[in-house]
């Protein structure tokens, strides 16, 4: 069983490569999406509301994702899950 990733509001994130491969998203906005977690929600805080930098409907759109499908970004790129 994989360890549950820990995220906090304000963390910069992207969809993980594993998730993109799983859903067949090799192109489009999903593999290049970057954003900031606005809030955590759900029964155990396993969902995140994310303000996307780029979205087909325009920048600043709030979307939602399961934390297991995200990777944390650092100033130099992404950081693997611990």
C-alpha atoms as a PDB file:
ATOM      1  CA  UNK A   1       0.000   0.000   0.000  1.00  0.00           C
ATOM      2  CA  UNK A   2       1.346   3.418  -0.969  1.00  0.00           C
ATOM      3  CA  UNK A   3       1.858   6.053   1.682  1.00  0.00           C
ATOM      4  CA  UNK A   4      -0.664   8.861   1.480  1.00  0.00           C
ATOM      5  CA  UNK A   5       1.019  12.014   0.174  1.00  0.00           C
ATOM      6  CA  UNK A   6       0.938  15.025   2.438  1.00  0.00           C
ATOM      7  CA  UNK A   7      -0.012  18.339   0.923  1.00  0.00           C
ATOM      8  CA  UNK A   8      -0.969  21.697   2.410  1.00  0.00           C
ATOM      9  CA  UNK A   9      -2.849  24.683   1.000  1.00  0.00           C
ATOM     10  CA  UNK A  10      -0.342  26.827  -0.884  1.00  0.00           C
ATOM     11  CA  UNK A  11       1.629  23.858  -2.273  1.00  0.00           C
ATOM     12  CA  UNK A  12       2.375  23.988  -5.999  1.00  0.00           C
ATOM     13  CA  UNK A  13       1.299  20.783  -7.756  1.00  0.00           C
ATOM     14  CA  UNK A  14       0.863  19.033 -11.075  1.00  0.00           C
ATOM     15  CA  UNK A  15      -0.771  15.777 -12.129  1.00  0.00           C
ATOM     16  CA  UNK A  16       1.641  12.877 -11.638  1.00  0.00           C
ATOM     17  CA  UNK A  17       3.170  11.128 -14.657  1.00  0.00           C
ATOM     18  CA  UNK A  18       1.694   7.853 -13.412  1.00  0.00           C
ATOM     19  CA  UNK A  19      -1.818   9.347 -13.372  1.00  0.00           C
ATOM     20  CA  UNK A  20      -1.404  10.847 -16.854  1.00  0.00           C
ATOM     21  CA  UNK A  21      -0.270   7.478 -18.245  1.00  0.00           C
ATOM     22  CA  UNK A  22      -3.156   5.717 -16.484  1.00  0.00           C
ATOM     23  CA  UNK A  23      -5.783   7.926 -18.146  1.00  0.00           C
ATOM     24  CA  UNK A  24      -3.925   8.056 -21.491  1.00  0.00           C
ATOM     25  CA  UNK A  25      -3.221  11.789 -21.321  1.00  0.00           C
ATOM     26  CA  UNK A  26      -0.075  12.100 -23.435  1.00  0.00           C
ATOM     27  CA  UNK A  27      -1.071  15.476 -24.870  1.00  0.00           C
ATOM     28  CA  UNK A  28      -3.436  18.283 -24.008  1.00  0.00           C
ATOM     29  CA  UNK A  29      -3.575  20.414 -20.899  1.00  0.00           C
ATOM     30  CA  UNK A  30      -3.627  17.615 -18.276  1.00  0.00           C
ATOM     31  CA  UNK A  31       0.084  16.609 -18.427  1.00  0.00           C
ATOM     32  CA  UNK A  32       1.172  20.254 -18.486  1.00  0.00           C
ATOM     33  CA  UNK A  33      -1.263  21.533 -15.845  1.00  0.00           C
ATOM     34  CA  UNK A  34       0.323  23.373 -12.910  1.00  0.00           C
ATOM     35  CA  UNK A  35      -1.480  24.990 -10.026  1.00  0.00           C
ATOM     36  CA  UNK A  36      -1.683  25.838  -6.341  1.00  0.00           C
ATOM     37  CA  UNK A  37      -3.733  24.005  -3.727  1.00  0.00           C
ATOM     38  CA  UNK A  38      -6.394  26.357  -2.352  1.00  0.00           C
ATOM     39  CA  UNK A  39      -7.974  24.009   0.191  1.00  0.00           C
ATOM     40  CA  UNK A  40      -8.213  20.349   1.175  1.00  0.00           C
ATOM     41  CA  UNK A  41     -11.588  18.680   1.573  1.00  0.00           C
ATOM     42  CA  UNK A  42     -13.290  15.312   1.726  1.00  0.00           C
ATOM     43  CA  UNK A  43     -13.803  12.807   4.517  1.00  0.00           C
ATOM     44  CA  UNK A  44     -10.081  12.482   5.265  1.00  0.00           C
ATOM     45  CA  UNK A  45      -8.846  15.559   3.400  1.00  0.00           C
ATOM     46  CA  UNK A  46      -8.000  13.385   0.392  1.00  0.00           C
ATOM     47  CA  UNK A  47      -9.277  15.900  -2.175  1.00  0.00           C
ATOM     48  CA  UNK A  48      -7.765  19.228  -3.160  1.00  0.00           C
ATOM     49  CA  UNK A  49      -9.254  22.345  -4.700  1.00  0.00           C
ATOM     50  CA  UNK A  50      -6.592  23.658  -7.089  1.00  0.00           C
ATOM     51  CA  UNK A  51      -6.299  27.062  -8.777  1.00  0.00           C
ATOM     52  CA  UNK A  52      -4.814  26.138 -12.155  1.00  0.00           C
ATOM     53  CA  UNK A  53      -2.274  28.445 -13.818  1.00  0.00           C
ATOM     54  CA  UNK A  54      -3.426  27.265 -17.229  1.00  0.00           C
ATOM     55  CA  UNK A  55      -6.783  25.718 -18.037  1.00  0.00           C
ATOM     56  CA  UNK A  56      -8.729  25.421 -21.300  1.00  0.00           C
ATOM     57  CA  UNK A  57     -11.400  27.691 -19.780  1.00  0.00           C
ATOM     58  CA  UNK A  58      -8.826  30.288 -18.755  1.00  0.00           C
ATOM     59  CA  UNK A  59      -6.247  30.852 -15.993  1.00  0.00           C
ATOM     60  CA  UNK A  60      -7.361  30.880 -12.379  1.00  0.00           C
ATOM     61  CA  UNK A  61     -10.053  28.222 -12.797  1.00  0.00           C
ATOM     62  CA  UNK A  62     -10.593  26.191  -9.623  1.00  0.00           C
ATOM     63  CA  UNK A  63     -10.565  22.431 -10.204  1.00  0.00           C
ATOM     64  CA  UNK A  64     -10.531  19.413  -7.930  1.00  0.00           C
ATOM     65  CA  UNK A  65      -8.270  16.364  -7.776  1.00  0.00           C
ATOM     66  CA  UNK A  66      -7.501  13.444  -5.507  1.00  0.00           C
ATOM     67  CA  UNK A  67      -4.184  13.942  -3.697  1.00  0.00           C
ATOM     68  CA  UNK A  68      -2.989  10.507  -4.878  1.00  0.00           C
ATOM     69  CA  UNK A  69      -2.984  11.834  -8.464  1.00  0.00           C
ATOM     70  CA  UNK A  70      -0.728  14.821  -7.744  1.00  0.00           C
ATOM     71  CA  UNK A  71       2.983  15.552  -7.474  1.00  0.00           C
ATOM     72  CA  UNK A  72       4.411  18.492  -5.546  1.00  0.00           C
ATOM     73  CA  UNK A  73       6.358  21.065  -7.552  1.00  0.00           C
ATOM     74  CA  UNK A  74       9.514  22.764  -6.330  1.00  0.00           C
ATOM     75  CA  UNK A  75      11.207  25.838  -7.820  1.00  0.00           C
ATOM     76  CA  UNK A  76      13.289  23.449  -9.951  1.00  0.00           C
ATOM     77  CA  UNK A  77      10.453  21.131 -11.003  1.00  0.00           C
ATOM     78  CA  UNK A  78       8.598  18.221  -9.419  1.00  0.00           C
ATOM     79  CA  UNK A  79       9.480  16.278  -6.317  1.00  0.00           C
ATOM     80  CA  UNK A  80       8.810  12.521  -6.131  1.00  0.00           C
ATOM     81  CA  UNK A  81       6.427  11.375  -3.419  1.00  0.00           C
ATOM     82  CA  UNK A  82       8.105  10.362  -0.176  1.00  0.00           C
END
